[in-house]
Amino acid sequence: MHYFYVLYSLKDHRLYKGSSSSLSDRFIRHISGGFPSTKHRRPLILIYSEGFSTKADAVMRERWSKSLGGGLKQILLWKKYSSEKTHPST
């Protein structure tokens, strides 16, 4: 299984998008400062993940999410996530 994931930085309030074949190992490495791209953006939380049967599909989803159209959808997803966290539906 391969994964596309989105991390949220509690420090700079920005998203990080990536893909991996081992989501738990990758997340642990991110939060322990093992990647230069997120080392200075900690603490991080995992806000979204999606599983794919092939690495190519996960990488395609990551690239799409970094495109203009995909980025806008990710922003809407984050806004929905953050509003539900502050205003849970009854």
C-alpha atoms as a PDB file:
ATOM      1  CA  MET A   1       0.000   0.000   0.000  1.00  0.00           C
ATOM      2  CA  HIS A   2       1.201   3.528  -0.786  1.00  0.00           C
ATOM      3  CA  TYR A   3      -0.098   6.714   0.775  1.00  0.00           C
ATOM      4  CA  PHE A   4      -0.627  10.361  -0.014  1.00  0.00           C
ATOM      5  CA  TYR A   5      -0.704  12.477   3.141  1.00  0.00           C
ATOM      6  CA  VAL A   6      -1.091  16.058   4.322  1.00  0.00           C
ATOM      7  CA  LEU A   7       0.589  17.447   7.419  1.00  0.00           C
ATOM      8  CA  TYR A   8      -0.335  20.696   9.137  1.00  0.00           C
ATOM      9  CA  SER A   9       2.308  22.783  10.888  1.00  0.00           C
ATOM     10  CA  LEU A  10       1.132  24.195  14.208  1.00  0.00           C
ATOM     11  CA  LYS A  11       4.097  26.589  14.036  1.00  0.00           C
ATOM     12  CA  ASP A  12       3.616  28.288  10.639  1.00  0.00           C
ATOM     13  CA  HIS A  13       0.040  27.118   9.865  1.00  0.00           C
ATOM     14  CA  ARG A  14       1.016  25.748   6.461  1.00  0.00           C
ATOM     15  CA  LEU A  15       0.400  22.393   4.825  1.00  0.00           C
ATOM     16  CA  TYR A  16       3.008  19.840   3.757  1.00  0.00           C
ATOM     17  CA  LYS A  17       2.017  17.211   1.194  1.00  0.00           C
ATOM     18  CA  GLY A  18       3.873  13.983   0.509  1.00  0.00           C
ATOM     19  CA  SER A  19       3.657  10.310  -0.365  1.00  0.00           C
ATOM     20  CA  SER A  20       5.164   7.181   1.155  1.00  0.00           C
ATOM     21  CA  SER A  21       4.870   3.418   1.290  1.00  0.00           C
ATOM     22  CA  SER A  22       4.988   3.520   5.107  1.00  0.00           C
ATOM     23  CA  LEU A  23       2.852   6.321   6.470  1.00  0.00           C
ATOM     24  CA  SER A  24       3.564   5.643  10.152  1.00  0.00           C
ATOM     25  CA  ASP A  25       7.353   5.509   9.672  1.00  0.00           C
ATOM     26  CA  ARG A  26       7.311   8.637   7.510  1.00  0.00           C
ATOM     27  CA  PHE A  27       5.190  10.555  10.019  1.00  0.00           C
ATOM     28  CA  ILE A  28       7.496   9.573  12.902  1.00  0.00           C
ATOM     29  CA  ARG A  29      10.480  10.764  10.873  1.00  0.00           C
ATOM     30  CA  HIS A  30       8.729  14.089  10.146  1.00  0.00           C
ATOM     31  CA  ILE A  31       7.837  14.765  13.778  1.00  0.00           C
ATOM     32  CA  SER A  32      11.328  13.818  14.985  1.00  0.00           C
ATOM     33  CA  GLY A  33      12.952  16.344  12.621  1.00  0.00           C
ATOM     34  CA  GLY A  34      14.312  13.827  10.125  1.00  0.00           C
ATOM     35  CA  PHE A  35      13.451  15.882   7.034  1.00  0.00           C
ATOM     36  CA  PRO A  36      14.895  19.328   6.250  1.00  0.00           C
ATOM     37  CA  SER A  37      11.603  20.388   4.628  1.00  0.00           C
ATOM     38  CA  THR A  38       9.634  20.033   7.883  1.00  0.00           C
ATOM     39  CA  LYS A  39      12.323  20.100  10.582  1.00  0.00           C
ATOM     40  CA  HIS A  40      11.786  23.774  11.424  1.00  0.00           C
ATOM     41  CA  ARG A  41       8.005  23.605  11.008  1.00  0.00           C
ATOM     42  CA  ARG A  42       7.310  21.305  13.958  1.00  0.00           C
ATOM     43  CA  PRO A  43       5.028  20.460  15.689  1.00  0.00           C
ATOM     44  CA  LEU A  44       3.113  18.758  12.896  1.00  0.00           C
ATOM     45  CA  ILE A  45      -0.193  16.929  12.821  1.00  0.00           C
ATOM     46  CA  LEU A  46      -1.452  14.504  10.210  1.00  0.00           C
ATOM     47  CA  ILE A  47      -4.733  15.897   8.906  1.00  0.00           C
ATOM     48  CA  TYR A  48      -5.347  13.699   5.856  1.00  0.00           C
ATOM     49  CA  SER A  49      -4.168  10.448   4.293  1.00  0.00           C
ATOM     50  CA  GLU A  50      -5.329   8.381   1.369  1.00  0.00           C
ATOM     51  CA  GLY A  51      -4.215   4.853   0.439  1.00  0.00           C
ATOM     52  CA  PHE A  52      -3.361   3.673  -3.083  1.00  0.00           C
ATOM     53  CA  SER A  53      -2.445   0.281  -4.469  1.00  0.00           C
ATOM     54  CA  THR A  54       0.508   1.632  -6.471  1.00  0.00           C
ATOM     55  CA  LYS A  55       3.286   4.135  -5.827  1.00  0.00           C
ATOM     56  CA  ALA A  56       2.516   5.819  -9.152  1.00  0.00           C
ATOM     57  CA  ASP A  57      -1.073   6.551  -8.060  1.00  0.00           C
ATOM     58  CA  ALA A  58       0.063   8.010  -4.722  1.00  0.00           C
ATOM     59  CA  VAL A  59       2.654  10.218  -6.441  1.00  0.00           C
ATOM     60  CA  MET A  60       0.048  11.345  -9.007  1.00  0.00           C
ATOM     61  CA  ARG A  61      -2.270  12.376  -6.167  1.00  0.00           C
ATOM     62  CA  GLU A  62       0.571  14.264  -4.474  1.00  0.00           C
ATOM     63  CA  ARG A  63       1.406  16.112  -7.710  1.00  0.00           C
ATOM     64  CA  TRP A  64      -2.271  16.883  -8.331  1.00  0.00           C
ATOM     65  CA  SER A  65      -2.605  18.278  -4.797  1.00  0.00           C
ATOM     66  CA  LYS A  66       0.285  20.654  -5.502  1.00  0.00           C
ATOM     67  CA  SER A  67      -1.348  21.919  -8.713  1.00  0.00           C
ATOM     68  CA  LEU A  68      -3.581  24.991  -8.744  1.00  0.00           C
ATOM     69  CA  GLY A  69      -6.852  23.024  -8.879  1.00  0.00           C
ATOM     70  CA  GLY A  70      -5.719  20.395  -6.406  1.00  0.00           C
ATOM     71  CA  GLY A  71      -4.306  23.009  -4.075  1.00  0.00           C
ATOM     72  CA  LEU A  72      -7.618  24.829  -3.964  1.00  0.00           C
ATOM     73  CA  LYS A  73      -9.415  21.598  -3.088  1.00  0.00           C
ATOM     74  CA  GLN A  74      -6.871  20.936  -0.319  1.00  0.00           C
ATOM     75  CA  ILE A  75      -7.467  24.436   1.080  1.00  0.00           C
ATOM     76  CA  LEU A  76     -11.209  23.799   1.127  1.00  0.00           C
ATOM     77  CA  LEU A  77     -10.588  20.459   2.857  1.00  0.00           C
ATOM     78  CA  TRP A  78      -8.467  22.202   5.505  1.00  0.00           C
ATOM     79  CA  LYS A  79     -11.070  24.924   6.040  1.00  0.00           C
ATOM     80  CA  LYS A  80     -13.731  22.263   6.506  1.00  0.00           C
ATOM     81  CA  TYR A  81     -11.477  20.326   8.884  1.00  0.00           C
ATOM     82  CA  SER A  82     -10.592  23.370  10.963  1.00  0.00           C
ATOM     83  CA  SER A  83     -14.195  24.608  11.174  1.00  0.00           C
ATOM     84  CA  GLU A  84     -15.419  21.173  12.300  1.00  0.00           C
ATOM     85  CA  LYS A  85     -12.723  21.112  14.990  1.00  0.00           C
ATOM     86  CA  THR A  86     -13.879  24.484  16.337  1.00  0.00           C
ATOM     87  CA  HIS A  87     -17.619  24.090  15.627  1.00  0.00           C
ATOM     88  CA  PRO A  88     -18.590  20.401  15.824  1.00  0.00           C
ATOM     89  CA  SER A  89     -21.898  19.607  14.171  1.00  0.00           C
ATOM     90  CA  THR A  90     -24.683  18.464  16.452  1.00  0.00           C
END
